[in-house]
């Protein structure tokens, strides 16, 4: 608290340096528009990987479905 009774921004003992440092570090980073662009790009990469994996699974399933038997029939008395 200051002499007027107001806090300087936080109560943790840093005397207000913590919020100022956080704001300073945020100002060094990319803007919100750039961050959103990278998040969208990351989403598109993940969708591409999902499509690639789906194609690989389908290709492997089609290749093994005609050649391998899924089991053996046993006559039960």
Foldseek 3Di string as FASTA:
>chain_A
DDPVPDQLCDDPPPRVVVVVVVVVVVVVDDDPVVVVVVVVVVVVVVVVVVVVVVVVVVVVCVVVVVPDDPDDDDDDD
